[in-house]
Amino acid sequence: MNSKLPEIAIQIKEYRVKLGDKIKVAREKKGYSTADLAEIMKIKPSTISNIEKGKFSITVDYLVHFSILLDCEFIVAEKYKN
């Protein structure tokens, strides 16, 4: 078994939280509520909330959709840039 696996799982979770924070900031900057954005994306407001809290693993399609709607890039690698 690969001893790096638990470390990678932790990093993925940290990355998801950081990405969710960036999505929330971008959403608020555009003036959307979670309900507004959910309606536009045709998903539940709770899904938006869970994404922003890092509790929901999003697909590339969701990421692109957020990028287009919020006019923002969400690449946060390099040890989770600010």
PDB file of N, CA and C in Angstrom:
ATOM      1  N   MET A   1       0.837  -1.187   0.000  1.00  0.00           N
ATOM      2  CA  MET A   1       0.000   0.000   0.000  1.00  0.00           C
ATOM      3  C   MET A   1       0.876   1.243   0.000  1.00  0.00           C
ATOM      4  N   ASN A   2       0.456   2.256  -0.693  1.00  0.00           N
ATOM      5  CA  ASN A   2       1.217   3.490  -0.831  1.00  0.00           C
ATOM      6  C   ASN A   2       1.051   4.347   0.423  1.00  0.00           C
ATOM      7  N   SER A   3       2.161   4.657   1.076  1.00  0.00           N
ATOM      8  CA  SER A   3       2.102   5.446   2.315  1.00  0.00           C
ATOM      9  C   SER A   3       1.741   6.907   2.060  1.00  0.00           C
ATOM     10  N   LYS A   4       1.802   7.355   0.818  1.00  0.00           N
ATOM     11  CA  LYS A   4       1.463   8.745   0.474  1.00  0.00           C
ATOM     12  C   LYS A   4      -0.045   8.956   0.342  1.00  0.00           C
ATOM     13  N   LEU A   5      -0.811   7.885   0.262  1.00  0.00           N
ATOM     14  CA  LEU A   5      -2.240   7.990   0.023  1.00  0.00           C
ATOM     15  C   LEU A   5      -2.977   8.829   1.063  1.00  0.00           C
ATOM     16  N   PRO A   6      -2.795   8.611   2.362  1.00  0.00           N
ATOM     17  CA  PRO A   6      -3.489   9.460   3.333  1.00  0.00           C
ATOM     18  C   PRO A   6      -3.099  10.932   3.204  1.00  0.00           C
ATOM     19  N   GLU A   7      -1.834  11.209   2.935  1.00  0.00           N
ATOM     20  CA  GLU A   7      -1.378  12.593   2.764  1.00  0.00           C
ATOM     21  C   GLU A   7      -2.056  13.240   1.561  1.00  0.00           C
ATOM     22  N   ILE A   8      -2.178  12.505   0.480  1.00  0.00           N
ATOM     23  CA  ILE A   8      -2.833  13.037  -0.720  1.00  0.00           C
ATOM     24  C   ILE A   8      -4.307  13.304  -0.442  1.00  0.00           C
ATOM     25  N   ALA A   9      -4.965  12.427   0.284  1.00  0.00           N
ATOM     26  CA  ALA A   9      -6.378  12.617   0.622  1.00  0.00           C
ATOM     27  C   ALA A   9      -6.570  13.895   1.433  1.00  0.00           C
ATOM     28  N   ILE A  10      -5.655  14.160   2.345  1.00  0.00           N
ATOM     29  CA  ILE A  10      -5.717  15.393   3.145  1.00  0.00           C
ATOM     30  C   ILE A  10      -5.517  16.609   2.245  1.00  0.00           C
ATOM     31  N   GLN A  11      -4.564  16.529   1.336  1.00  0.00           N
ATOM     32  CA  GLN A  11      -4.311  17.648   0.423  1.00  0.00           C
ATOM     33  C   GLN A  11      -5.497  17.907  -0.489  1.00  0.00           C
ATOM     34  N   ILE A  12      -6.137  16.844  -0.940  1.00  0.00           N
ATOM     35  CA  ILE A  12      -7.322  17.011  -1.792  1.00  0.00           C
ATOM     36  C   ILE A  12      -8.426  17.729  -1.020  1.00  0.00           C
ATOM     37  N   LYS A  13      -8.647  17.326   0.217  1.00  0.00           N
ATOM     38  CA  LYS A  13      -9.677  17.973   1.032  1.00  0.00           C
ATOM     39  C   LYS A  13      -9.327  19.448   1.254  1.00  0.00           C
ATOM     40  N   GLU A  14      -8.079  19.745   1.575  1.00  0.00           N
ATOM     41  CA  GLU A  14      -7.643  21.137   1.768  1.00  0.00           C
ATOM     42  C   GLU A  14      -7.837  21.951   0.497  1.00  0.00           C
ATOM     43  N   TYR A  15      -7.518  21.352  -0.633  1.00  0.00           N
ATOM     44  CA  TYR A  15      -7.674  22.023  -1.920  1.00  0.00           C
ATOM     45  C   TYR A  15      -9.142  22.322  -2.195  1.00  0.00           C
ATOM     46  N   ARG A  16     -10.018  21.344  -1.914  1.00  0.00           N
ATOM     47  CA  ARG A  16     -11.460  21.544  -2.113  1.00  0.00           C
ATOM     48  C   ARG A  16     -11.980  22.704  -1.272  1.00  0.00           C
ATOM     49  N   VAL A  17     -11.515  22.805  -0.029  1.00  0.00           N
ATOM     50  CA  VAL A  17     -11.940  23.898   0.856  1.00  0.00           C
ATOM     51  C   VAL A  17     -11.465  25.237   0.297  1.00  0.00           C
ATOM     52  N   LYS A  18     -10.218  25.297  -0.134  1.00  0.00           N
ATOM     53  CA  LYS A  18      -9.664  26.538  -0.691  1.00  0.00           C
ATOM     54  C   LYS A  18     -10.410  26.921  -1.969  1.00  0.00           C
ATOM     55  N   LEU A  19     -10.699  25.954  -2.804  1.00  0.00           N
ATOM     56  CA  LEU A  19     -11.453  26.211  -4.028  1.00  0.00           C
ATOM     57  C   LEU A  19     -12.857  26.719  -3.697  1.00  0.00           C
ATOM     58  N   GLY A  20     -13.494  26.102  -2.719  1.00  0.00           N
ATOM     59  CA  GLY A  20     -14.819  26.557  -2.287  1.00  0.00           C
ATOM     60  C   GLY A  20     -14.802  27.981  -1.786  1.00  0.00           C
ATOM     61  N   ASP A  21     -13.749  28.345  -1.054  1.00  0.00           N
ATOM     62  CA  ASP A  21     -13.602  29.726  -0.583  1.00  0.00           C
ATOM     63  C   ASP A  21     -13.506  30.688  -1.764  1.00  0.00           C
ATOM     64  N   LYS A  22     -12.729  30.318  -2.765  1.00  0.00           N
ATOM     65  CA  LYS A  22     -12.570  31.170  -3.947  1.00  0.00           C
ATOM     66  C   LYS A  22     -13.895  31.320  -4.703  1.00  0.00           C
ATOM     67  N   ILE A  23     -14.637  30.248  -4.801  1.00  0.00           N
ATOM     68  CA  ILE A  23     -15.938  30.313  -5.475  1.00  0.00           C
ATOM     69  C   ILE A  23     -16.875  31.239  -4.704  1.00  0.00           C
ATOM     70  N   LYS A  24     -16.892  31.122  -3.389  1.00  0.00           N
ATOM     71  CA  LYS A  24     -17.757  31.978  -2.570  1.00  0.00           C
ATOM     72  C   LYS A  24     -17.391  33.446  -2.730  1.00  0.00           C
ATOM     73  N   VAL A  25     -16.113  33.760  -2.683  1.00  0.00           N
ATOM     74  CA  VAL A  25     -15.664  35.158  -2.842  1.00  0.00           C
ATOM     75  C   VAL A  25     -16.081  35.687  -4.217  1.00  0.00           C
ATOM     76  N   ALA A  26     -15.877  34.886  -5.258  1.00  0.00           N
ATOM     77  CA  ALA A  26     -16.242  35.303  -6.612  1.00  0.00           C
ATOM     78  C   ALA A  26     -17.756  35.487  -6.742  1.00  0.00           C
ATOM     79  N   ARG A  27     -18.517  34.594  -6.129  1.00  0.00           N
ATOM     80  CA  ARG A  27     -19.989  34.697  -6.169  1.00  0.00           C
ATOM     81  C   ARG A  27     -20.451  35.978  -5.494  1.00  0.00           C
ATOM     82  N   GLU A  28     -19.902  36.242  -4.317  1.00  0.00           N
ATOM     83  CA  GLU A  28     -20.288  37.446  -3.577  1.00  0.00           C
ATOM     84  C   GLU A  28     -19.860  38.712  -4.322  1.00  0.00           C
ATOM     85  N   LYS A  29     -18.699  38.673  -4.949  1.00  0.00           N
ATOM     86  CA  LYS A  29     -18.210  39.820  -5.722  1.00  0.00           C
ATOM     87  C   LYS A  29     -19.159  40.145  -6.876  1.00  0.00           C
ATOM     88  N   LYS A  30     -19.753  39.117  -7.468  1.00  0.00           N
ATOM     89  CA  LYS A  30     -20.718  39.310  -8.559  1.00  0.00           C
ATOM     90  C   LYS A  30     -22.108  39.694  -8.036  1.00  0.00           C
ATOM     91  N   GLY A  31     -22.308  39.607  -6.721  1.00  0.00           N
ATOM     92  CA  GLY A  31     -23.586  39.988  -6.136  1.00  0.00           C
ATOM     93  C   GLY A  31     -24.639  38.898  -6.147  1.00  0.00           C
ATOM     94  N   TYR A  32     -24.226  37.648  -6.361  1.00  0.00           N
ATOM     95  CA  TYR A  32     -25.169  36.540  -6.360  1.00  0.00           C
ATOM     96  C   TYR A  32     -25.315  35.943  -4.962  1.00  0.00           C
ATOM     97  N   SER A  33     -26.534  35.599  -4.607  1.00  0.00           N
ATOM     98  CA  SER A  33     -26.754  34.771  -3.422  1.00  0.00           C
ATOM     99  C   SER A  33     -26.547  33.319  -3.845  1.00  0.00           C
ATOM    100  N   THR A  34     -26.492  32.422  -2.884  1.00  0.00           N
ATOM    101  CA  THR A  34     -26.386  31.002  -3.251  1.00  0.00           C
ATOM    102  C   THR A  34     -27.618  30.573  -4.044  1.00  0.00           C
ATOM    103  N   ALA A  35     -28.780  31.112  -3.676  1.00  0.00           N
ATOM    104  CA  ALA A  35     -30.019  30.773  -4.392  1.00  0.00           C
ATOM    105  C   ALA A  35     -29.977  31.295  -5.833  1.00  0.00           C
ATOM    106  N   ASP A  36     -29.462  32.508  -6.024  1.00  0.00           N
ATOM    107  CA  ASP A  36     -29.343  33.066  -7.378  1.00  0.00           C
ATOM    108  C   ASP A  36     -28.470  32.177  -8.261  1.00  0.00           C
ATOM    109  N   LEU A  37     -27.296  31.859  -7.748  1.00  0.00           N
ATOM    110  CA  LEU A  37     -26.354  31.064  -8.529  1.00  0.00           C
ATOM    111  C   LEU A  37     -26.892  29.657  -8.782  1.00  0.00           C
ATOM    112  N   ALA A  38     -27.534  29.090  -7.780  1.00  0.00           N
ATOM    113  CA  ALA A  38     -28.117  27.759  -7.936  1.00  0.00           C
ATOM    114  C   ALA A  38     -29.192  27.758  -9.021  1.00  0.00           C
ATOM    115  N   GLU A  39     -30.002  28.794  -9.047  1.00  0.00           N
ATOM    116  CA  GLU A  39     -31.059  28.888 -10.061  1.00  0.00           C
ATOM    117  C   GLU A  39     -30.451  28.978 -11.462  1.00  0.00           C
ATOM    118  N   ILE A  40     -29.413  29.797 -11.607  1.00  0.00           N
ATOM    119  CA  ILE A  40     -28.759  29.947 -12.904  1.00  0.00           C
ATOM    120  C   ILE A  40     -28.140  28.627 -13.355  1.00  0.00           C
ATOM    121  N   MET A  41     -27.521  27.908 -12.398  1.00  0.00           N
ATOM    122  CA  MET A  41     -26.840  26.653 -12.726  1.00  0.00           C
ATOM    123  C   MET A  41     -27.784  25.451 -12.731  1.00  0.00           C
ATOM    124  N   LYS A  42     -29.025  25.674 -12.318  1.00  0.00           N
ATOM    125  CA  LYS A  42     -30.049  24.617 -12.254  1.00  0.00           C
ATOM    126  C   LYS A  42     -29.637  23.482 -11.306  1.00  0.00           C
ATOM    127  N   ILE A  43     -29.146  23.903 -10.141  1.00  0.00           N
ATOM    128  CA  ILE A  43     -28.822  22.967  -9.065  1.00  0.00           C
ATOM    129  C   ILE A  43     -29.407  23.516  -7.772  1.00  0.00           C
ATOM    130  N   LYS A  44     -29.355  22.739  -6.709  1.00  0.00           N
ATOM    131  CA  LYS A  44     -29.915  23.161  -5.429  1.00  0.00           C
ATOM    132  C   LYS A  44     -28.984  24.159  -4.731  1.00  0.00           C
ATOM    133  N   PRO A  45     -29.548  25.132  -4.004  1.00  0.00           N
ATOM    134  CA  PRO A  45     -28.718  26.059  -3.214  1.00  0.00           C
ATOM    135  C   PRO A  45     -27.822  25.321  -2.219  1.00  0.00           C
ATOM    136  N   SER A  46     -28.313  24.204  -1.688  1.00  0.00           N
ATOM    137  CA  SER A  46     -27.492  23.435  -0.743  1.00  0.00           C
ATOM    138  C   SER A  46     -26.253  22.859  -1.424  1.00  0.00           C
ATOM    139  N   THR A  47     -26.355  22.574  -2.720  1.00  0.00           N
ATOM    140  CA  THR A  47     -25.181  22.090  -3.459  1.00  0.00           C
ATOM    141  C   THR A  47     -24.140  23.189  -3.558  1.00  0.00           C
ATOM    142  N   ILE A  48     -24.585  24.415  -3.863  1.00  0.00           N
ATOM    143  CA  ILE A  48     -23.655  25.555  -3.908  1.00  0.00           C
ATOM    144  C   ILE A  48     -22.997  25.710  -2.538  1.00  0.00           C
ATOM    145  N   SER A  49     -23.789  25.663  -1.497  1.00  0.00           N
ATOM    146  CA  SER A  49     -23.264  25.806  -0.142  1.00  0.00           C
ATOM    147  C   SER A  49     -22.237  24.720   0.178  1.00  0.00           C
ATOM    148  N   ASN A  50     -22.541  23.483  -0.171  1.00  0.00           N
ATOM    149  CA  ASN A  50     -21.615  22.379   0.087  1.00  0.00           C
ATOM    150  C   ASN A  50     -20.333  22.505  -0.732  1.00  0.00           C
ATOM    151  N   ILE A  51     -20.438  22.989  -1.951  1.00  0.00           N
ATOM    152  CA  ILE A  51     -19.247  23.228  -2.768  1.00  0.00           C
ATOM    153  C   ILE A  51     -18.381  24.295  -2.106  1.00  0.00           C
ATOM    154  N   GLU A  52     -19.003  25.369  -1.667  1.00  0.00           N
ATOM    155  CA  GLU A  52     -18.256  26.469  -1.039  1.00  0.00           C
ATOM    156  C   GLU A  52     -17.608  26.059   0.278  1.00  0.00           C
ATOM    157  N   LYS A  53     -18.174  25.077   0.942  1.00  0.00           N
ATOM    158  CA  LYS A  53     -17.600  24.589   2.201  1.00  0.00           C
ATOM    159  C   LYS A  53     -16.585  23.469   1.978  1.00  0.00           C
ATOM    160  N   GLY A  54     -16.381  23.078   0.724  1.00  0.00           N
ATOM    161  CA  GLY A  54     -15.440  22.005   0.420  1.00  0.00           C
ATOM    162  C   GLY A  54     -15.969  20.626   0.725  1.00  0.00           C
ATOM    163  N   LYS A  55     -17.276  20.511   0.874  1.00  0.00           N
ATOM    164  CA  LYS A  55     -17.893  19.230   1.222  1.00  0.00           C
ATOM    165  C   LYS A  55     -18.394  18.461   0.006  1.00  0.00           C
ATOM    166  N   PHE A  56     -18.223  19.031  -1.171  1.00  0.00           N
ATOM    167  CA  PHE A  56     -18.753  18.426  -2.389  1.00  0.00           C
ATOM    168  C   PHE A  56     -17.649  18.449  -3.435  1.00  0.00           C
ATOM    169  N   SER A  57     -17.323  17.316  -3.973  1.00  0.00           N
ATOM    170  CA  SER A  57     -16.292  17.223  -5.008  1.00  0.00           C
ATOM    171  C   SER A  57     -16.920  17.576  -6.351  1.00  0.00           C
ATOM    172  N   ILE A  58     -16.470  18.663  -6.958  1.00  0.00           N
ATOM    173  CA  ILE A  58     -17.097  19.112  -8.200  1.00  0.00           C
ATOM    174  C   ILE A  58     -16.383  18.546  -9.423  1.00  0.00           C
ATOM    175  N   THR A  59     -17.116  18.475 -10.497  1.00  0.00           N
ATOM    176  CA  THR A  59     -16.561  18.012 -11.765  1.00  0.00           C
ATOM    177  C   THR A  59     -15.903  19.186 -12.486  1.00  0.00           C
ATOM    178  N   VAL A  60     -15.161  18.862 -13.513  1.00  0.00           N
ATOM    179  CA  VAL A  60     -14.560  19.901 -14.348  1.00  0.00           C
ATOM    180  C   VAL A  60     -15.668  20.742 -14.983  1.00  0.00           C
ATOM    181  N   ASP A  61     -16.770  20.116 -15.355  1.00  0.00           N
ATOM    182  CA  ASP A  61     -17.883  20.853 -15.959  1.00  0.00           C
ATOM    183  C   ASP A  61     -18.421  21.921 -15.007  1.00  0.00           C
ATOM    184  N   TYR A  62     -18.589  21.564 -13.724  1.00  0.00           N
ATOM    185  CA  TYR A  62     -19.020  22.561 -12.736  1.00  0.00           C
ATOM    186  C   TYR A  62     -17.985  23.679 -12.622  1.00  0.00           C
ATOM    187  N   LEU A  63     -16.728  23.305 -12.588  1.00  0.00           N
ATOM    188  CA  LEU A  63     -15.664  24.294 -12.451  1.00  0.00           C
ATOM    189  C   LEU A  63     -15.676  25.279 -13.621  1.00  0.00           C
ATOM    190  N   VAL A  64     -15.846  24.763 -14.824  1.00  0.00           N
ATOM    191  CA  VAL A  64     -15.926  25.630 -16.003  1.00  0.00           C
ATOM    192  C   VAL A  64     -17.172  26.510 -15.924  1.00  0.00           C
ATOM    193  N   HIS A  65     -18.274  25.937 -15.491  1.00  0.00           N
ATOM    194  CA  HIS A  65     -19.525  26.699 -15.362  1.00  0.00           C
ATOM    195  C   HIS A  65     -19.338  27.855 -14.367  1.00  0.00           C
ATOM    196  N   PHE A  66     -18.743  27.565 -13.212  1.00  0.00           N
ATOM    197  CA  PHE A  66     -18.451  28.628 -12.242  1.00  0.00           C
ATOM    198  C   PHE A  66     -17.534  29.684 -12.846  1.00  0.00           C
ATOM    199  N   SER A  67     -16.515  29.250 -13.560  1.00  0.00           N
ATOM    200  CA  SER A  67     -15.555  30.183 -14.158  1.00  0.00           C
ATOM    201  C   SER A  67     -16.232  31.138 -15.125  1.00  0.00           C
ATOM    202  N   ILE A  68     -17.117  30.595 -15.953  1.00  0.00           N
ATOM    203  CA  ILE A  68     -17.821  31.424 -16.937  1.00  0.00           C
ATOM    204  C   ILE A  68     -18.790  32.376 -16.245  1.00  0.00           C
ATOM    205  N   LEU A  69     -19.623  31.863 -15.353  1.00  0.00           N
ATOM    206  CA  LEU A  69     -20.642  32.695 -14.702  1.00  0.00           C
ATOM    207  C   LEU A  69     -20.043  33.753 -13.785  1.00  0.00           C
ATOM    208  N   LEU A  70     -18.949  33.398 -13.113  1.00  0.00           N
ATOM    209  CA  LEU A  70     -18.368  34.315 -12.131  1.00  0.00           C
ATOM    210  C   LEU A  70     -17.169  35.086 -12.691  1.00  0.00           C
ATOM    211  N   ASP A  71     -16.853  34.820 -13.958  1.00  0.00           N
ATOM    212  CA  ASP A  71     -15.752  35.504 -14.639  1.00  0.00           C
ATOM    213  C   ASP A  71     -14.474  35.435 -13.808  1.00  0.00           C
ATOM    214  N   CYS A  72     -14.084  34.218 -13.475  1.00  0.00           N
ATOM    215  CA  CYS A  72     -12.955  34.018 -12.574  1.00  0.00           C
ATOM    216  C   CYS A  72     -12.265  32.693 -12.882  1.00  0.00           C
ATOM    217  N   GLU A  73     -10.942  32.659 -12.697  1.00  0.00           N
ATOM    218  CA  GLU A  73     -10.203  31.403 -12.804  1.00  0.00           C
ATOM    219  C   GLU A  73     -10.041  30.824 -11.416  1.00  0.00           C
ATOM    220  N   PHE A  74     -10.070  29.509 -11.321  1.00  0.00           N
ATOM    221  CA  PHE A  74     -10.045  28.864 -10.015  1.00  0.00           C
ATOM    222  C   PHE A  74      -8.883  27.905  -9.806  1.00  0.00           C
ATOM    223  N   ILE A  75      -7.805  28.076 -10.512  1.00  0.00           N
ATOM    224  CA  ILE A  75      -6.640  27.219 -10.308  1.00  0.00           C
ATOM    225  C   ILE A  75      -5.942  27.693  -9.038  1.00  0.00           C
ATOM    226  N   VAL A  76      -5.833  26.822  -8.042  1.00  0.00           N
ATOM    227  CA  VAL A  76      -5.268  27.243  -6.750  1.00  0.00           C
ATOM    228  C   VAL A  76      -4.136  26.334  -6.284  1.00  0.00           C
ATOM    229  N   ALA A  77      -3.483  25.662  -7.222  1.00  0.00           N
ATOM    230  CA  ALA A  77      -2.394  24.772  -6.834  1.00  0.00           C
ATOM    231  C   ALA A  77      -1.245  25.591  -6.240  1.00  0.00           C
ATOM    232  N   GLU A  78      -0.027  25.144  -6.395  1.00  0.00           N
ATOM    233  CA  GLU A  78       1.132  25.789  -5.782  1.00  0.00           C
ATOM    234  C   GLU A  78       0.875  26.007  -4.299  1.00  0.00           C
ATOM    235  N   LYS A  79       0.631  24.924  -3.629  1.00  0.00           N
ATOM    236  CA  LYS A  79       0.342  24.889  -2.184  1.00  0.00           C
ATOM    237  C   LYS A  79      -0.763  25.869  -1.813  1.00  0.00           C
ATOM    238  N   TYR A  80      -1.829  25.850  -2.617  1.00  0.00           N
ATOM    239  CA  TYR A  80      -3.064  26.539  -2.296  1.00  0.00           C
ATOM    240  C   TYR A  80      -2.889  28.048  -2.198  1.00  0.00           C
ATOM    241  N   LYS A  81      -2.559  28.642  -3.340  1.00  0.00           N
ATOM    242  CA  LYS A  81      -2.377  30.093  -3.440  1.00  0.00           C
ATOM    243  C   LYS A  81      -3.519  30.855  -2.770  1.00  0.00           C
ATOM    244  N   ASN A  82      -3.252  32.070  -2.377  1.00  0.00           N
ATOM    245  CA  ASN A  82      -4.298  32.947  -1.791  1.00  0.00           C
ATOM    246  C   ASN A  82      -5.160  33.533  -2.867  1.00  0.00           C
TER     247      ASN A  82
END
